[in-house]
Amino acid sequence: MPALRQSLKSPWPYLCLTALLYGAALADAFRLPENQVTAQAYLGLVKTYQTYASPLTSSCVRCRYAPSCSRYSATAVRKYGLLEGLWMTAERISRCRAAVPLGTEDPVP
């Protein structure tokens, strides 16, 4: 069996690569929010969602808050960085209930 194929069967290269990526993302989290590579990648994903997926779901899903959760998340990540911004987004989504009136103002602090 070729050496490359044999090494791909072992989990260690994948585990090492995963640990390296997590370490790089963790180190990136301590940089200023405007310099975080992971935050920029996340903002790109949010922009893609807003452009392509959100229009498809707008007829059946309505955000109870203003601004929408995706805009809130993007603003929080830009202002506070990836980890803090995602934490704030998760807290906001956990507060979303049917009892919240549509259009309730909830801006990023």
Protein backbone atom coordinates (compact mmCIF):
# COMPACT_ATOMS: atom_id res chain seq x y z
CA MET A 1 0.00 0.00 0.00
CA PRO A 2 1.40 3.47 -0.87
CA ALA A 3 2.69 5.55 2.06
CA LEU A 4 0.25 8.43 1.45
CA ARG A 5 -2.74 6.12 1.46
CA GLN A 6 -1.49 4.40 4.60
CA SER A 7 -1.01 7.75 6.39
CA LEU A 8 -4.53 8.89 5.42
CA LYS A 9 -6.01 5.89 7.22
CA SER A 10 -4.49 7.05 10.50
CA PRO A 11 -6.49 9.62 12.50
CA TRP A 12 -3.40 11.46 13.77
CA PRO A 13 -2.89 13.77 10.77
CA TYR A 14 -6.52 14.86 10.97
CA LEU A 15 -6.36 15.37 14.73
CA CYS A 16 -3.15 17.39 14.44
CA LEU A 17 -4.61 19.55 11.67
CA THR A 18 -7.81 20.11 13.67
CA ALA A 19 -5.82 21.05 16.80
CA LEU A 20 -3.71 23.44 14.74
CA LEU A 21 -6.80 25.13 13.26
CA TYR A 22 -8.46 25.46 16.68
CA GLY A 23 -5.25 26.90 18.12
CA ALA A 24 -5.00 29.45 15.31
CA ALA A 25 -8.65 30.43 15.75
CA LEU A 26 -8.14 30.82 19.51
CA ALA A 27 -5.05 32.98 18.98
CA ASP A 28 -7.00 35.04 16.44
CA ALA A 29 -9.73 35.67 19.04
CA PHE A 30 -7.30 37.76 21.12
CA ARG A 31 -6.64 40.23 18.32
CA LEU A 32 -8.61 43.46 17.85
CA PRO A 33 -12.06 42.80 16.32
CA GLU A 34 -11.24 44.61 13.06
CA ASN A 35 -8.09 42.45 12.61
CA GLN A 36 -9.65 39.04 13.32
CA VAL A 37 -9.50 36.72 10.32
CA THR A 38 -12.15 34.44 11.82
CA ALA A 39 -14.51 37.38 12.31
CA GLN A 40 -14.08 38.43 8.68
CA ALA A 41 -14.80 34.86 7.55
CA TYR A 42 -17.92 34.77 9.73
CA LEU A 43 -19.10 38.11 8.35
CA GLY A 44 -18.70 36.68 4.85
CA LEU A 45 -20.91 33.74 5.80
CA VAL A 46 -23.55 36.08 7.25
CA LYS A 47 -23.48 38.20 4.08
CA THR A 48 -23.94 35.06 1.97
CA TYR A 49 -26.89 34.03 4.16
CA GLN A 50 -28.46 37.49 3.88
CA THR A 51 -28.03 37.51 0.11
CA TYR A 52 -29.19 34.00 -0.80
CA ALA A 53 -30.98 32.18 2.05
CA SER A 54 -32.86 34.98 3.79
CA PRO A 55 -34.96 35.96 0.74
CA LEU A 56 -36.02 32.32 0.34
CA THR A 57 -37.24 32.05 3.93
CA SER A 58 -38.74 35.54 4.32
CA SER A 59 -42.25 34.36 3.41
CA CYS A 60 -42.40 31.81 6.24
CA VAL A 61 -39.96 33.18 8.86
CA ARG A 62 -40.19 36.67 10.38
CA CYS A 63 -37.73 38.08 12.85
CA ARG A 64 -39.36 39.44 15.99
CA TYR A 65 -36.55 41.90 16.65
CA ALA A 66 -35.28 44.95 14.83
CA PRO A 67 -32.61 44.74 13.53
CA SER A 68 -32.87 41.14 12.35
CA CYS A 69 -30.77 38.51 14.09
CA SER A 70 -28.29 38.27 11.21
CA ARG A 71 -27.75 42.05 11.20
CA TYR A 72 -27.46 42.04 14.99
CA SER A 73 -24.89 39.25 14.83
CA ALA A 74 -22.82 40.98 12.14
CA THR A 75 -22.83 44.25 14.09
CA ALA A 76 -21.91 42.52 17.37
CA VAL A 77 -19.03 40.63 15.73
CA ARG A 78 -17.72 43.80 14.07
CA LYS A 79 -17.88 45.71 17.36
CA TYR A 80 -16.80 43.09 19.93
CA GLY A 81 -15.02 40.34 17.98
CA LEU A 82 -16.03 36.81 17.09
CA LEU A 83 -16.32 35.16 20.51
CA GLU A 84 -18.14 37.99 22.30
CA GLY A 85 -20.30 38.72 19.24
CA LEU A 86 -21.39 35.10 18.89
CA TRP A 87 -22.13 34.93 22.62
CA MET A 88 -24.33 38.03 22.35
CA THR A 89 -26.07 36.55 19.31
CA ALA A 90 -26.75 33.27 21.14
CA GLU A 91 -28.21 35.18 24.10
CA ARG A 92 -30.47 37.16 21.80
CA ILE A 93 -31.71 34.06 19.98
CA SER A 94 -32.42 32.43 23.36
CA ARG A 95 -34.63 35.42 24.28
CA CYS A 96 -36.74 35.02 21.12
CA ARG A 97 -40.20 33.81 22.09
CA ALA A 98 -43.66 33.95 20.55
CA ALA A 99 -44.62 36.49 23.23
CA VAL A 100 -42.12 39.04 21.83
CA PRO A 101 -44.03 41.46 19.57
CA LEU A 102 -42.86 41.76 15.96
CA GLY A 103 -40.54 44.71 15.42
CA THR A 104 -39.27 44.92 19.02
CA GLU A 105 -36.21 47.18 19.11
CA ASP A 106 -33.12 45.39 20.43
CA PRO A 107 -29.93 47.08 19.17
CA VAL A 108 -26.38 45.96 19.92
CA PRO A 109 -25.26 47.66 23.17
